[in-house]
Amino acid sequence: MLQLVRTPAAAGELGDLPILRKRVKSGDAVGELGLNFAAQPDTLAFDQREYKVSWIDPAGPAVKSGIEVGDIVTTIDGIDITGTNSGNAYAQLRAAPGTRLVLGLERGVSVTITLAAP
């Protein structure tokens, strides 16, 4: 007879696990924010990654949004991209031109940027 034995590590619940949808299909155009994020060392722990604005294109859509060099983006459309959730940013930032993104900033404000054509 097979008996299921639960160990303490297996007994915990994971809770809700969000699954993010891709915003663009493979091969479709991806819009531009008009800014860059600071590069992060490959050795940096995944849960310590952050999206810190390092450059804003003076002709891009971000320039009129109120975002500033040095701002740290913490959410995209209400989805957390900090710490262990930093991997969520990639799927949220890849959207079609004309898509409006609301970026929550660490300084306590949000900005809206409409993605431009590449």
C-alpha atoms as a PDB file:
ATOM      1  CA  MET A   1       0.000   0.000   0.000  1.00  0.00           C
ATOM      2  CA  LEU A   2       1.314   3.474  -0.974  1.00  0.00           C
ATOM      3  CA  GLN A   3       1.071   6.105   1.721  1.00  0.00           C
ATOM      4  CA  LEU A   4       1.447   9.830   1.137  1.00  0.00           C
ATOM      5  CA  VAL A   5       3.773  11.416   3.660  1.00  0.00           C
ATOM      6  CA  ARG A   6       3.891  15.198   3.911  1.00  0.00           C
ATOM      7  CA  THR A   7       7.109  16.794   4.996  1.00  0.00           C
ATOM      8  CA  PRO A   8       7.088  20.243   6.617  1.00  0.00           C
ATOM      9  CA  ALA A   9       8.497  21.818   3.452  1.00  0.00           C
ATOM     10  CA  ALA A  10       5.793  20.256   1.266  1.00  0.00           C
ATOM     11  CA  ALA A  11       2.946  21.128   3.613  1.00  0.00           C
ATOM     12  CA  GLY A  12       3.095  24.909   3.005  1.00  0.00           C
ATOM     13  CA  GLU A  13       0.856  26.609   0.497  1.00  0.00           C
ATOM     14  CA  LEU A  14       2.168  28.733  -2.300  1.00  0.00           C
ATOM     15  CA  GLY A  15      -0.813  31.082  -2.398  1.00  0.00           C
ATOM     16  CA  ASP A  16      -1.939  32.773  -5.606  1.00  0.00           C
ATOM     17  CA  LEU A  17       0.517  32.517  -8.468  1.00  0.00           C
ATOM     18  CA  PRO A  18      -0.121  35.170 -11.114  1.00  0.00           C
ATOM     19  CA  ILE A  19       0.440  34.258 -14.739  1.00  0.00           C
ATOM     20  CA  LEU A  20       1.150  37.259 -16.922  1.00  0.00           C
ATOM     21  CA  ARG A  21      -0.029  37.266 -20.507  1.00  0.00           C
ATOM     22  CA  LYS A  22       2.194  38.421 -23.293  1.00  0.00           C
ATOM     23  CA  ARG A  23       1.003  41.782 -24.598  1.00  0.00           C
ATOM     24  CA  VAL A  24       2.352  41.230 -28.124  1.00  0.00           C
ATOM     25  CA  LYS A  25       2.443  38.202 -30.356  1.00  0.00           C
ATOM     26  CA  SER A  26       5.713  36.885 -31.686  1.00  0.00           C
ATOM     27  CA  GLY A  27       6.795  39.009 -34.651  1.00  0.00           C
ATOM     28  CA  ASP A  28       4.544  41.984 -33.814  1.00  0.00           C
ATOM     29  CA  ALA A  29       6.015  45.446 -33.293  1.00  0.00           C
ATOM     30  CA  VAL A  30       6.940  46.401 -29.748  1.00  0.00           C
ATOM     31  CA  GLY A  31       6.514  50.032 -28.685  1.00  0.00           C
ATOM     32  CA  GLU A  32       9.244  52.252 -27.274  1.00  0.00           C
ATOM     33  CA  LEU A  33       9.202  54.022 -23.880  1.00  0.00           C
ATOM     34  CA  GLY A  34      11.899  56.484 -24.817  1.00  0.00           C
ATOM     35  CA  LEU A  35      14.095  55.694 -21.833  1.00  0.00           C
ATOM     36  CA  ASN A  36      16.751  53.262 -20.703  1.00  0.00           C
ATOM     37  CA  PHE A  37      17.230  51.456 -17.429  1.00  0.00           C
ATOM     38  CA  ALA A  38      20.602  51.167 -15.701  1.00  0.00           C
ATOM     39  CA  ALA A  39      22.526  47.997 -16.468  1.00  0.00           C
ATOM     40  CA  GLN A  40      22.826  45.585 -13.590  1.00  0.00           C
ATOM     41  CA  PRO A  41      25.689  43.198 -12.903  1.00  0.00           C
ATOM     42  CA  ASP A  42      25.122  39.569 -13.817  1.00  0.00           C
ATOM     43  CA  THR A  43      26.211  38.660 -10.305  1.00  0.00           C
ATOM     44  CA  LEU A  44      23.424  40.692  -8.678  1.00  0.00           C
ATOM     45  CA  ALA A  45      20.898  38.474  -6.886  1.00  0.00           C
ATOM     46  CA  PHE A  46      17.582  38.264  -8.732  1.00  0.00           C
ATOM     47  CA  ASP A  47      15.648  39.676  -5.772  1.00  0.00           C
ATOM     48  CA  GLN A  48      17.897  42.769  -5.685  1.00  0.00           C
ATOM     49  CA  ARG A  49      17.327  43.858  -9.283  1.00  0.00           C
ATOM     50  CA  GLU A  50      15.665  47.201  -9.888  1.00  0.00           C
ATOM     51  CA  TYR A  51      14.502  49.275 -12.830  1.00  0.00           C
ATOM     52  CA  LYS A  52      16.341  52.575 -12.372  1.00  0.00           C
ATOM     53  CA  VAL A  53      15.997  55.127 -15.174  1.00  0.00           C
ATOM     54  CA  SER A  54      19.449  55.986 -16.543  1.00  0.00           C
ATOM     55  CA  TRP A  55      18.560  57.981 -19.684  1.00  0.00           C
ATOM     56  CA  ILE A  56      15.513  59.660 -21.211  1.00  0.00           C
ATOM     57  CA  ASP A  57      15.295  60.257 -24.955  1.00  0.00           C
ATOM     58  CA  PRO A  58      14.617  63.989 -25.440  1.00  0.00           C
ATOM     59  CA  ALA A  59      12.452  63.119 -28.470  1.00  0.00           C
ATOM     60  CA  GLY A  60      10.718  60.075 -26.931  1.00  0.00           C
ATOM     61  CA  PRO A  61       7.349  59.623 -25.226  1.00  0.00           C
ATOM     62  CA  ALA A  62       8.754  59.473 -21.669  1.00  0.00           C
ATOM     63  CA  VAL A  63      10.149  63.012 -21.731  1.00  0.00           C
ATOM     64  CA  LYS A  64       6.753  64.668 -21.087  1.00  0.00           C
ATOM     65  CA  SER A  65       5.549  62.115 -18.523  1.00  0.00           C
ATOM     66  CA  GLY A  66       7.311  63.523 -15.465  1.00  0.00           C
ATOM     67  CA  ILE A  67       9.654  60.565 -15.058  1.00  0.00           C
ATOM     68  CA  GLU A  68      13.226  61.567 -14.204  1.00  0.00           C
ATOM     69  CA  VAL A  69      16.690  60.068 -14.507  1.00  0.00           C
ATOM     70  CA  GLY A  70      17.297  58.202 -11.247  1.00  0.00           C
ATOM     71  CA  ASP A  71      13.638  57.231 -10.746  1.00  0.00           C
ATOM     72  CA  ILE A  72      13.087  53.611  -9.795  1.00  0.00           C
ATOM     73  CA  VAL A  73      10.039  51.971 -11.368  1.00  0.00           C
ATOM     74  CA  THR A  74       8.250  49.708  -8.866  1.00  0.00           C
ATOM     75  CA  THR A  75       5.050  48.816 -10.734  1.00  0.00           C
ATOM     76  CA  ILE A  76       3.783  48.648 -14.301  1.00  0.00           C
ATOM     77  CA  ASP A  77       0.008  48.897 -14.641  1.00  0.00           C
ATOM     78  CA  GLY A  78      -0.253  47.974 -10.956  1.00  0.00           C
ATOM     79  CA  ILE A  79       1.920  44.867 -11.270  1.00  0.00           C
ATOM     80  CA  ASP A  80       4.846  44.705  -8.846  1.00  0.00           C
ATOM     81  CA  ILE A  81       8.271  44.563 -10.489  1.00  0.00           C
ATOM     82  CA  THR A  82      10.402  44.777  -7.341  1.00  0.00           C
ATOM     83  CA  GLY A  83      12.521  42.123  -5.662  1.00  0.00           C
ATOM     84  CA  THR A  84      11.591  38.596  -6.641  1.00  0.00           C
ATOM     85  CA  ASN A  85       8.897  40.055  -8.942  1.00  0.00           C
ATOM     86  CA  SER A  86      11.448  41.911 -11.091  1.00  0.00           C
ATOM     87  CA  GLY A  87      10.986  39.352 -13.858  1.00  0.00           C
ATOM     88  CA  ASN A  88       7.434  40.662 -14.381  1.00  0.00           C
ATOM     89  CA  ALA A  89       8.793  43.825 -16.013  1.00  0.00           C
ATOM     90  CA  TYR A  90       9.807  42.196 -19.287  1.00  0.00           C
ATOM     91  CA  ALA A  91       6.302  40.974 -20.126  1.00  0.00           C
ATOM     92  CA  GLN A  92       4.693  44.238 -19.035  1.00  0.00           C
ATOM     93  CA  LEU A  93       7.025  46.522 -20.992  1.00  0.00           C
ATOM     94  CA  ARG A  94       6.663  44.607 -24.258  1.00  0.00           C
ATOM     95  CA  ALA A  95       3.461  46.040 -25.691  1.00  0.00           C
ATOM     96  CA  ALA A  96       2.261  47.397 -29.015  1.00  0.00           C
ATOM     97  CA  PRO A  97       2.877  51.004 -30.040  1.00  0.00           C
ATOM     98  CA  GLY A  98       0.037  53.190 -28.745  1.00  0.00           C
ATOM     99  CA  THR A  99      -0.314  51.190 -25.515  1.00  0.00           C
ATOM    100  CA  ARG A 100      -0.541  53.362 -22.396  1.00  0.00           C
ATOM    101  CA  LEU A 101       1.558  52.145 -19.475  1.00  0.00           C
ATOM    102  CA  VAL A 102       1.221  53.463 -15.942  1.00  0.00           C
ATOM    103  CA  LEU A 103       4.561  53.287 -14.174  1.00  0.00           C
ATOM    104  CA  GLY A 104       4.563  53.485 -10.379  1.00  0.00           C
ATOM    105  CA  LEU A 105       7.696  55.114  -9.050  1.00  0.00           C
ATOM    106  CA  GLU A 106       9.512  54.563  -5.780  1.00  0.00           C
ATOM    107  CA  ARG A 107       9.112  58.269  -4.936  1.00  0.00           C
ATOM    108  CA  GLY A 108       5.367  57.718  -4.583  1.00  0.00           C
ATOM    109  CA  VAL A 109       3.983  59.014  -7.866  1.00  0.00           C
ATOM    110  CA  SER A 110       2.792  57.368 -11.067  1.00  0.00           C
ATOM    111  CA  VAL A 111       3.421  58.460 -14.631  1.00  0.00           C
ATOM    112  CA  THR A 112       1.664  57.448 -17.816  1.00  0.00           C
ATOM    113  CA  ILE A 113       3.621  56.839 -21.001  1.00  0.00           C
ATOM    114  CA  THR A 114       2.109  55.947 -24.370  1.00  0.00           C
ATOM    115  CA  LEU A 115       4.481  53.671 -26.248  1.00  0.00           C
ATOM    116  CA  ALA A 116       5.809  55.059 -29.517  1.00  0.00           C
ATOM    117  CA  ALA A 117       6.423  53.182 -32.749  1.00  0.00           C
ATOM    118  CA  PRO A 118       9.926  51.676 -32.951  1.00  0.00           C
END
